[in-house]
Protein backbone atom coordinates (compact mmCIF):
# COMPACT_ATOMS: atom_id res chain seq x y z
CA MET A 1 -21.94 -18.76 -36.03
CA ASN A 2 -21.51 -21.05 -32.78
CA ARG A 3 -24.19 -23.52 -31.58
CA ALA A 4 -24.85 -24.38 -27.91
CA GLU A 5 -27.73 -26.42 -26.17
CA ILE A 6 -27.66 -24.07 -23.12
CA VAL A 7 -25.76 -20.48 -22.44
CA ILE A 8 -25.84 -19.45 -19.21
CA ILE A 9 -25.08 -15.64 -18.86
CA GLY A 10 -23.15 -14.53 -15.51
CA ALA A 11 -20.17 -16.10 -13.84
CA GLY A 12 -20.77 -15.37 -10.29
CA SER A 13 -21.45 -17.97 -7.39
CA VAL A 14 -24.95 -18.80 -8.88
CA GLY A 15 -23.80 -19.01 -12.41
CA LEU A 16 -21.26 -21.06 -11.67
CA ALA A 17 -23.30 -23.27 -9.42
CA ILE A 18 -25.77 -23.60 -11.99
CA ALA A 19 -23.24 -24.48 -14.87
CA LYS A 20 -21.44 -27.15 -12.40
CA ARG A 21 -24.75 -28.69 -11.78
CA LEU A 22 -26.23 -28.92 -15.30
CA SER A 23 -22.72 -29.97 -16.54
CA ILE A 24 -23.48 -33.50 -14.72
CA VAL A 25 -26.43 -34.26 -16.96
CA LYS A 26 -26.25 -32.24 -20.09
CA LYS A 27 -23.23 -30.99 -22.47
CA ASN A 28 -22.59 -28.08 -25.11
CA ILE A 29 -23.17 -25.72 -22.41
CA VAL A 30 -21.67 -22.44 -22.73
CA LEU A 31 -21.06 -20.03 -19.71
CA LEU A 32 -20.47 -16.20 -20.59
CA GLU A 33 -18.85 -13.43 -18.38
CA ARG A 34 -18.12 -9.99 -19.24
CA HIS A 35 -15.34 -9.90 -16.89
CA SER A 36 -11.95 -11.52 -17.19
CA THR A 37 -12.72 -13.71 -14.37
CA PHE A 38 -15.58 -15.06 -12.01
CA GLY A 39 -17.35 -13.50 -9.21
CA GLN A 40 -16.20 -9.63 -9.62
CA ASP A 41 -19.58 -7.93 -9.45
CA THR A 42 -21.05 -9.44 -6.07
CA SER A 43 -19.57 -12.86 -5.26
CA THR A 44 -16.34 -11.58 -4.02
CA ARG A 45 -17.84 -8.50 -2.65
CA ASN A 46 -19.67 -9.58 0.17
CA SER A 47 -19.51 -11.05 3.83
CA GLU A 48 -18.93 -14.64 2.63
CA VAL A 49 -21.22 -15.69 5.20
CA ILE A 50 -23.28 -19.24 5.34
CA HIS A 51 -26.57 -17.83 6.61
CA GLY A 52 -28.98 -19.94 8.47
CA GLY A 53 -32.21 -19.09 6.99
CA MET A 54 -34.30 -17.50 9.59
CA TYR A 55 -34.86 -13.95 8.39
CA TYR A 56 -37.02 -14.69 5.13
CA PRO A 57 -40.89 -14.87 5.00
CA THR A 58 -42.88 -18.11 5.11
CA GLY A 59 -42.81 -19.97 2.15
CA SER A 60 -40.26 -17.87 0.05
CA LEU A 61 -37.79 -19.09 -2.30
CA LYS A 62 -35.13 -17.38 -0.02
CA ALA A 63 -36.27 -19.35 2.88
CA ARG A 64 -36.43 -22.75 1.28
CA LEU A 65 -32.97 -22.20 -0.85
CA CYS A 66 -31.25 -20.69 2.00
CA VAL A 67 -32.10 -23.57 4.32
CA ASP A 68 -31.35 -26.20 1.92
CA GLY A 69 -28.14 -24.36 0.44
CA ASN A 70 -26.92 -24.18 4.00
CA ARG A 71 -26.79 -27.88 4.49
CA MET A 72 -25.40 -28.31 0.85
CA LEU A 73 -22.83 -25.89 1.19
CA TYR A 74 -21.14 -27.12 4.05
CA GLY A 75 -21.29 -30.64 2.48
CA ILE A 76 -19.37 -29.22 -0.56
CA CYS A 77 -16.79 -27.49 1.44
CA SER A 78 -15.83 -30.44 3.50
CA ALA A 79 -15.87 -32.74 0.47
CA HIS A 80 -13.53 -30.47 -1.56
CA ASN A 81 -11.56 -28.96 0.91
CA ILE A 82 -12.73 -25.53 0.32
CA PRO A 83 -11.90 -23.19 3.60
CA HIS A 84 -14.77 -22.68 5.71
CA ARG A 85 -16.02 -22.61 9.23
CA LYS A 86 -19.27 -23.17 11.19
CA THR A 87 -18.67 -20.15 13.81
CA GLY A 88 -22.59 -20.02 14.92
CA LYS A 89 -23.86 -16.20 14.86
CA LEU A 90 -25.53 -14.06 17.54
CA ILE A 91 -28.37 -11.51 16.59
CA ILE A 92 -27.97 -9.32 19.54
CA ALA A 93 -30.55 -6.78 20.97
CA ASN A 94 -30.23 -4.52 23.54
CA THR A 95 -33.62 -2.90 23.94
CA GLU A 96 -36.98 -4.06 24.48
CA ASN A 97 -37.89 -3.21 20.89
CA GLU A 98 -34.95 -5.20 19.55
CA ARG A 99 -35.68 -7.99 21.82
CA LYS A 100 -39.19 -8.49 20.29
CA ASN A 101 -37.38 -8.31 16.93
CA ILE A 102 -35.21 -11.13 17.54
CA GLU A 103 -37.84 -13.09 19.18
CA GLU A 104 -40.06 -12.70 15.92
CA ILE A 105 -36.68 -13.67 13.97
CA TYR A 106 -36.60 -16.72 16.00
CA HIS A 107 -40.01 -17.76 15.63
CA GLN A 108 -39.77 -17.20 11.70
CA GLY A 109 -36.79 -19.62 11.79
CA LYS A 110 -38.75 -22.48 13.39
CA ILE A 111 -41.10 -21.80 10.56
CA ASN A 112 -38.62 -22.11 8.06
CA ARG A 113 -37.25 -25.25 9.67
CA VAL A 114 -33.59 -23.72 10.43
CA PRO A 115 -32.17 -25.83 12.73
CA ASN A 116 -30.06 -25.32 16.05
CA LEU A 117 -31.90 -21.94 16.97
CA ARG A 118 -32.01 -20.75 20.57
CA MET A 119 -32.77 -17.51 22.40
CA ILE A 120 -30.09 -16.91 25.07
CA GLU A 121 -29.68 -13.99 27.76
CA GLU A 122 -26.72 -11.69 29.18
CA GLN A 123 -25.11 -14.25 31.16
CA GLU A 124 -24.62 -16.88 28.49
CA ILE A 125 -23.73 -14.46 25.81
CA LYS A 126 -21.11 -13.36 28.11
CA SER A 127 -19.91 -16.90 28.52
CA LEU A 128 -19.55 -17.35 24.59
CA GLU A 129 -18.38 -13.86 23.60
CA PRO A 130 -17.00 -11.92 26.48
CA ASN A 131 -16.10 -8.73 24.53
CA ILE A 132 -19.60 -7.79 23.45
CA ARG A 133 -22.39 -6.27 24.87
CA ALA A 134 -25.68 -7.65 24.49
CA LYS A 135 -28.64 -8.25 26.91
CA TRP A 136 -30.46 -10.75 24.58
CA ALA A 137 -29.49 -12.98 21.67
CA LEU A 138 -30.44 -15.23 19.15
CA LEU A 139 -27.99 -17.93 18.53
CA SER A 140 -28.01 -19.62 15.25
CA SER A 141 -25.48 -22.74 15.94
CA GLU A 142 -25.71 -23.53 11.73
CA SER A 143 -24.07 -20.17 10.53
CA GLY A 144 -20.71 -19.81 9.49
CA VAL A 145 -18.00 -18.38 7.18
CA LEU A 146 -16.31 -19.65 3.91
CA ASP A 147 -13.71 -18.74 1.21
CA ALA A 148 -16.06 -17.65 -1.73
CA THR A 149 -13.53 -17.61 -4.14
CA GLU A 150 -12.53 -20.79 -3.61
CA LEU A 151 -16.05 -22.28 -3.58
CA MET A 152 -16.51 -20.44 -7.23
CA ARG A 153 -13.14 -21.86 -8.44
CA TYR A 154 -14.48 -25.26 -7.32
CA PHE A 155 -17.67 -24.97 -9.40
CA GLU A 156 -15.44 -23.39 -12.34
CA GLN A 157 -12.99 -26.33 -12.52
CA THR A 158 -15.68 -28.83 -12.13
CA ALA A 159 -17.49 -27.43 -14.95
CA LEU A 160 -14.65 -27.03 -17.05
CA GLY A 161 -13.91 -30.64 -16.39
CA ASN A 162 -17.38 -31.83 -17.22
CA GLY A 163 -17.08 -29.93 -20.60
CA VAL A 164 -18.65 -26.64 -20.22
CA ILE A 165 -17.24 -24.14 -22.16
CA ILE A 166 -16.53 -20.67 -19.94
CA ARG A 167 -15.58 -17.63 -21.93
CA TYR A 168 -14.59 -14.64 -19.75
CA GLY A 169 -14.27 -11.26 -21.59
CA HIS A 170 -18.02 -12.06 -23.27
CA GLU A 171 -20.48 -9.40 -22.59
CA VAL A 172 -23.98 -10.04 -23.78
CA ILE A 173 -25.21 -7.08 -25.70
CA GLY A 174 -28.25 -8.64 -27.46
CA LEU A 175 -30.78 -11.49 -27.27
CA GLU A 176 -33.20 -12.48 -29.95
CA LYS A 177 -36.04 -15.13 -29.89
CA CYS A 178 -36.03 -16.90 -33.26
CA ALA A 179 -38.57 -19.57 -33.97
CA ASP A 180 -37.56 -22.58 -31.75
CA PHE A 181 -34.05 -21.18 -30.71
CA TYR A 182 -32.54 -18.27 -29.23
CA LYS A 183 -29.80 -16.19 -30.72
CA VAL A 184 -26.88 -14.54 -28.20
CA ILE A 185 -25.00 -11.39 -29.47
CA VAL A 186 -21.51 -11.02 -27.56
CA HIS A 187 -19.01 -8.35 -27.68
CA ARG A 188 -15.80 -9.79 -26.86
CA ASP A 189 -12.73 -8.08 -25.14
CA ASN A 190 -11.18 -8.17 -28.33
CA GLY A 191 -13.72 -5.89 -30.12
CA LYS A 192 -15.09 -8.63 -32.20
CA ILE A 193 -19.15 -9.44 -32.27
CA GLU A 194 -19.86 -13.10 -32.04
CA GLU A 195 -23.41 -14.91 -32.36
CA ILE A 196 -24.19 -18.10 -30.28
CA VAL A 197 -27.43 -20.07 -31.25
CA THR A 198 -28.74 -21.91 -28.41
CA ASP A 199 -31.93 -23.69 -27.34
CA VAL A 200 -32.17 -22.59 -23.47
CA VAL A 201 -30.60 -19.21 -22.18
CA ILE A 202 -30.10 -19.09 -18.24
CA ASN A 203 -29.67 -15.62 -16.94
CA ALA A 204 -27.87 -15.40 -14.03
CA ALA A 205 -26.47 -11.77 -14.67
CA GLY A 206 -26.80 -10.73 -10.95
CA LEU A 207 -26.81 -6.73 -11.39
CA TYR A 208 -27.58 -6.81 -14.84
CA ALA A 209 -30.46 -9.48 -14.84
CA ASP A 210 -33.15 -6.78 -15.54
CA GLN A 211 -31.11 -5.55 -18.43
CA ILE A 212 -30.78 -9.07 -20.09
CA SER A 213 -34.41 -9.64 -19.51
CA ALA A 214 -35.33 -6.22 -21.31
CA MET A 215 -33.50 -7.57 -24.40
CA LEU A 216 -35.99 -9.90 -25.00
CA GLY A 217 -38.59 -7.57 -24.81
CA ILE A 218 -39.58 -8.30 -21.41
CA ASN A 219 -41.49 -5.10 -19.64
CA ILE A 220 -38.97 -4.98 -16.46
CA GLU A 221 -41.63 -2.21 -14.93
CA ALA A 222 -44.89 -4.36 -15.80
CA SER A 223 -42.86 -7.69 -14.75
CA GLN A 224 -41.23 -5.97 -11.38
CA TYR A 225 -38.15 -7.22 -12.47
CA ARG A 226 -36.38 -3.47 -12.48
CA ILE A 227 -33.37 -3.99 -10.17
CA TYR A 228 -32.07 -1.57 -7.39
CA TRP A 229 -28.30 -1.24 -6.65
CA VAL A 230 -27.63 -0.74 -3.13
CA LYS A 231 -24.32 -0.32 -2.22
CA GLY A 232 -22.58 -1.78 0.75
CA GLU A 233 -19.16 -0.57 2.42
CA TYR A 234 -17.11 -2.22 4.72
CA TYR A 235 -14.51 -0.83 6.99
CA ASP A 236 -11.54 -2.99 8.30
CA VAL A 237 -10.88 -3.24 12.30
CA ASN A 238 -7.28 -3.08 13.33
CA GLU A 239 -6.04 -6.44 13.34
CA ARG A 240 -4.88 -5.78 17.55
CA HIS A 241 -8.53 -7.29 17.47
CA SER A 242 -8.27 -10.20 15.72
CA GLY A 243 -9.76 -13.12 17.79
CA LYS A 244 -11.92 -11.10 20.27
CA MET A 245 -14.90 -13.08 18.75
CA SER A 246 -15.19 -16.52 17.48
CA ARG A 247 -18.69 -16.17 16.24
CA LEU A 248 -20.61 -13.69 13.81
CA ILE A 249 -22.29 -10.79 15.39
CA TYR A 250 -25.18 -9.09 13.92
CA PRO A 251 -27.60 -6.56 15.16
CA THR A 252 -31.24 -6.29 14.90
CA PRO A 253 -31.60 -6.01 11.31
CA THR A 254 -33.43 -3.23 9.21
CA PRO A 255 -35.82 -3.56 6.26
CA VAL A 256 -33.19 -2.85 3.74
CA SER A 257 -30.31 -4.57 5.26
CA LEU A 258 -29.15 -7.23 8.33
CA GLY A 259 -27.33 -4.20 9.50
CA ILE A 260 -23.59 -3.27 10.22
CA HIS A 261 -22.38 -6.63 11.69
CA VAL A 262 -19.25 -8.31 12.50
CA ARG A 263 -17.62 -9.46 8.97
CA LEU A 264 -15.57 -12.56 10.60
CA ARG A 265 -12.86 -14.01 8.41
CA LEU A 266 -11.43 -17.31 8.70
CA ASP A 267 -8.22 -16.03 10.11
CA GLY A 268 -9.79 -14.23 13.07
CA SER A 269 -9.43 -10.82 11.87
CA PHE A 270 -12.70 -8.97 11.09
CA ALA A 271 -14.39 -5.79 9.30
CA LEU A 272 -17.43 -4.14 9.95
CA GLY A 273 -20.26 -3.73 7.32
CA PRO A 274 -21.90 -3.74 5.06
CA ASN A 275 -24.21 -0.45 5.20
CA ALA A 276 -26.97 -0.11 2.68
CA ILE A 277 -27.18 2.89 0.10
CA TYR A 278 -29.18 2.96 -2.78
CA VAL A 279 -27.06 4.07 -5.88
CA ASN A 280 -27.31 4.71 -9.30
CA GLU A 281 -23.96 3.77 -10.65
CA ILE A 282 -21.41 1.32 -10.03
CA ASP A 283 -18.60 2.32 -7.69
CA TYR A 284 -16.54 0.52 -5.29
CA GLU A 285 -15.15 3.25 -3.41
CA VAL A 286 -15.62 3.19 0.43
CA ASN A 287 -16.61 6.72 1.39
CA PRO A 288 -14.42 7.53 4.54
CA ALA A 289 -17.03 10.36 5.54
CA HIS A 290 -19.00 6.98 7.08
CA LEU A 291 -16.33 6.14 9.25
CA GLY A 292 -18.27 7.80 12.12
CA GLU A 293 -21.45 6.17 11.49
CA PHE A 294 -19.74 2.73 11.45
CA PHE A 295 -18.13 3.44 14.51
CA SER A 296 -20.80 4.56 16.66
CA ASP A 297 -23.29 1.64 15.25
CA ALA A 298 -20.44 -0.98 16.29
CA LYS A 299 -19.50 0.68 19.55
CA GLU A 300 -23.10 0.03 20.78
CA TYR A 301 -22.26 -3.79 20.87
CA LEU A 302 -18.36 -3.69 20.85
CA PRO A 303 -17.27 -1.53 23.63
CA PHE A 304 -13.65 -2.13 23.36
CA LEU A 305 -13.73 -0.49 19.79
CA GLU A 306 -11.99 2.80 19.06
CA LYS A 307 -12.37 5.40 16.13
CA SER A 308 -8.80 4.91 15.09
CA ASP A 309 -9.50 1.24 14.63
CA LEU A 310 -11.36 1.54 11.56
CA THR A 311 -10.04 2.00 8.29
CA PRO A 312 -11.71 1.62 4.91
CA GLY A 313 -12.12 -1.54 3.32
CA VAL A 314 -14.09 -3.06 0.27
CA ALA A 315 -17.29 -2.22 -1.18
CA GLY A 316 -19.88 -4.21 -2.94
CA ILE A 317 -23.34 -3.98 -4.89
CA ARG A 318 -26.38 -5.86 -4.18
CA ALA A 319 -28.96 -6.39 -6.88
CA LYS A 320 -32.47 -5.67 -5.18
CA LEU A 321 -36.02 -6.08 -6.55
CA GLN A 322 -37.61 -3.53 -3.89
CA ALA A 323 -37.07 0.05 -4.30
CA LYS A 324 -36.16 2.29 -1.27
CA GLY A 325 -38.88 2.09 1.35
CA GLU A 326 -40.75 -0.64 -0.35
CA ALA A 327 -41.13 -4.15 1.22
CA VAL A 328 -38.54 -6.91 0.73
CA ARG A 329 -38.73 -9.22 -2.51
CA ASP A 330 -38.27 -12.79 -3.07
CA PHE A 331 -35.86 -14.13 -5.70
CA VAL A 332 -37.30 -14.56 -9.10
CA ILE A 333 -36.44 -17.98 -10.54
CA ARG A 334 -38.69 -19.21 -13.51
CA ASN A 335 -39.00 -20.25 -16.93
CA GLU A 336 -40.55 -16.98 -18.87
CA THR A 337 -43.19 -19.44 -21.01
CA ASP A 338 -46.13 -16.83 -20.02
CA LYS A 339 -43.98 -14.23 -21.69
CA ASP A 340 -43.73 -16.06 -24.87
CA GLN A 341 -40.16 -16.70 -24.05
CA PRO A 342 -39.95 -20.55 -23.31
CA GLY A 343 -36.52 -21.78 -22.62
CA PHE A 344 -35.38 -18.83 -21.02
CA ILE A 345 -34.67 -19.35 -17.42
CA ASN A 346 -34.83 -16.02 -15.69
CA LEU A 347 -33.06 -15.34 -12.32
CA VAL A 348 -33.63 -11.61 -10.96
CA GLY A 349 -32.95 -10.22 -7.88
CA ILE A 350 -30.64 -12.72 -6.47
CA ASP A 351 -29.24 -10.86 -3.91
CA SER A 352 -28.82 -12.15 -0.17
CA PRO A 353 -28.59 -15.20 0.50
CA ALA A 354 -27.53 -15.98 -2.84
CA LEU A 355 -24.18 -17.07 -2.06
CA THR A 356 -25.36 -19.37 0.56
CA ALA A 357 -28.19 -20.62 -1.69
CA CYS A 358 -26.39 -21.18 -4.88
CA ALA A 359 -25.99 -24.96 -5.05
CA ALA A 360 -29.89 -25.17 -4.02
CA ILE A 361 -30.44 -22.33 -6.88
CA ALA A 362 -28.65 -24.68 -9.12
CA GLU A 363 -30.98 -27.56 -8.15
CA GLU A 364 -34.06 -25.29 -8.75
CA VAL A 365 -32.78 -24.44 -12.14
CA LEU A 366 -32.10 -28.27 -13.01
CA ASP A 367 -35.87 -28.73 -12.11
CA ILE A 368 -36.88 -26.06 -14.24
CA TYR A 369 -34.94 -27.55 -16.97
CA ARG A 370 -36.05 -30.68 -16.72
CA ASN A 371 -39.61 -29.74 -17.49
CA LEU A 372 -39.06 -27.41 -20.12
């Protein structure tokens, strides 16, 4: 039976950021990941955007950690040569209702202390992005893009250098609270079952965070920890259009997603997406029947686009705490002492803007750990 002081479950951007941060102040940390490498579920299947933080409700963890994480992420990327670019973002409007919506986002951004936000109109939009169609826009100068894989590789290598033991191909199949420690039961990719004893468990299991919680007997319905999987597909745009935009272009958001937007890549090429479909199983195939929806939505603000420009790209799954039609929920990041699980630091519903916020989330977890 192995012994650790901290076990972290999940090697996505958040789990790796936590491992890297805690490894500076603590030794004997084990990071468990069921896949053969990091970031396979969500962290490499998204828009790789550094968000500004203007969408999120006043006082929410998402608002605070996104704004803090934005600043931290640019610092990390600059200091460690992680490919990134502060592109800026335009959230656009073409109707009066959409204009009112983005004005509300602007005011929420001000409340959230997002720097460098500005409402602009058609003439200035044309000077910035001559190839798009928009009457009004909210310009977020602090938004950008990065290479998420290289960010996670930096976290991984730094954590390893600080002594963290990372075990890929290790799936957690059981958790048990025993007196003053936890027993973590792991199924290894070689078929063997292994047990790890630890003082602290940090649940950063993403899509499966509710299942990890349930292993300890936490009632995920009563706690409102049930995770709903929301699939997002992307369509690649023909590379003949590469370079036609220098900023991220987003439509007015919907209650379930930020809308089918321009996913700008570091090389100037781009894709469209994601959409948002509640699903009951993990499936990363892109449905070609959705091409028409993507084209009609994007054509509203990308007049140069032709249907033949679009081909199916990648897909990802988001871990949301709200069921279809319910109000947006905040991150859950807490020590589960009141559920008789002291030392179980639970992260549930860590969807967007988790990539942007990952370094700030790691600081939040460190604060919780120091107060155990």
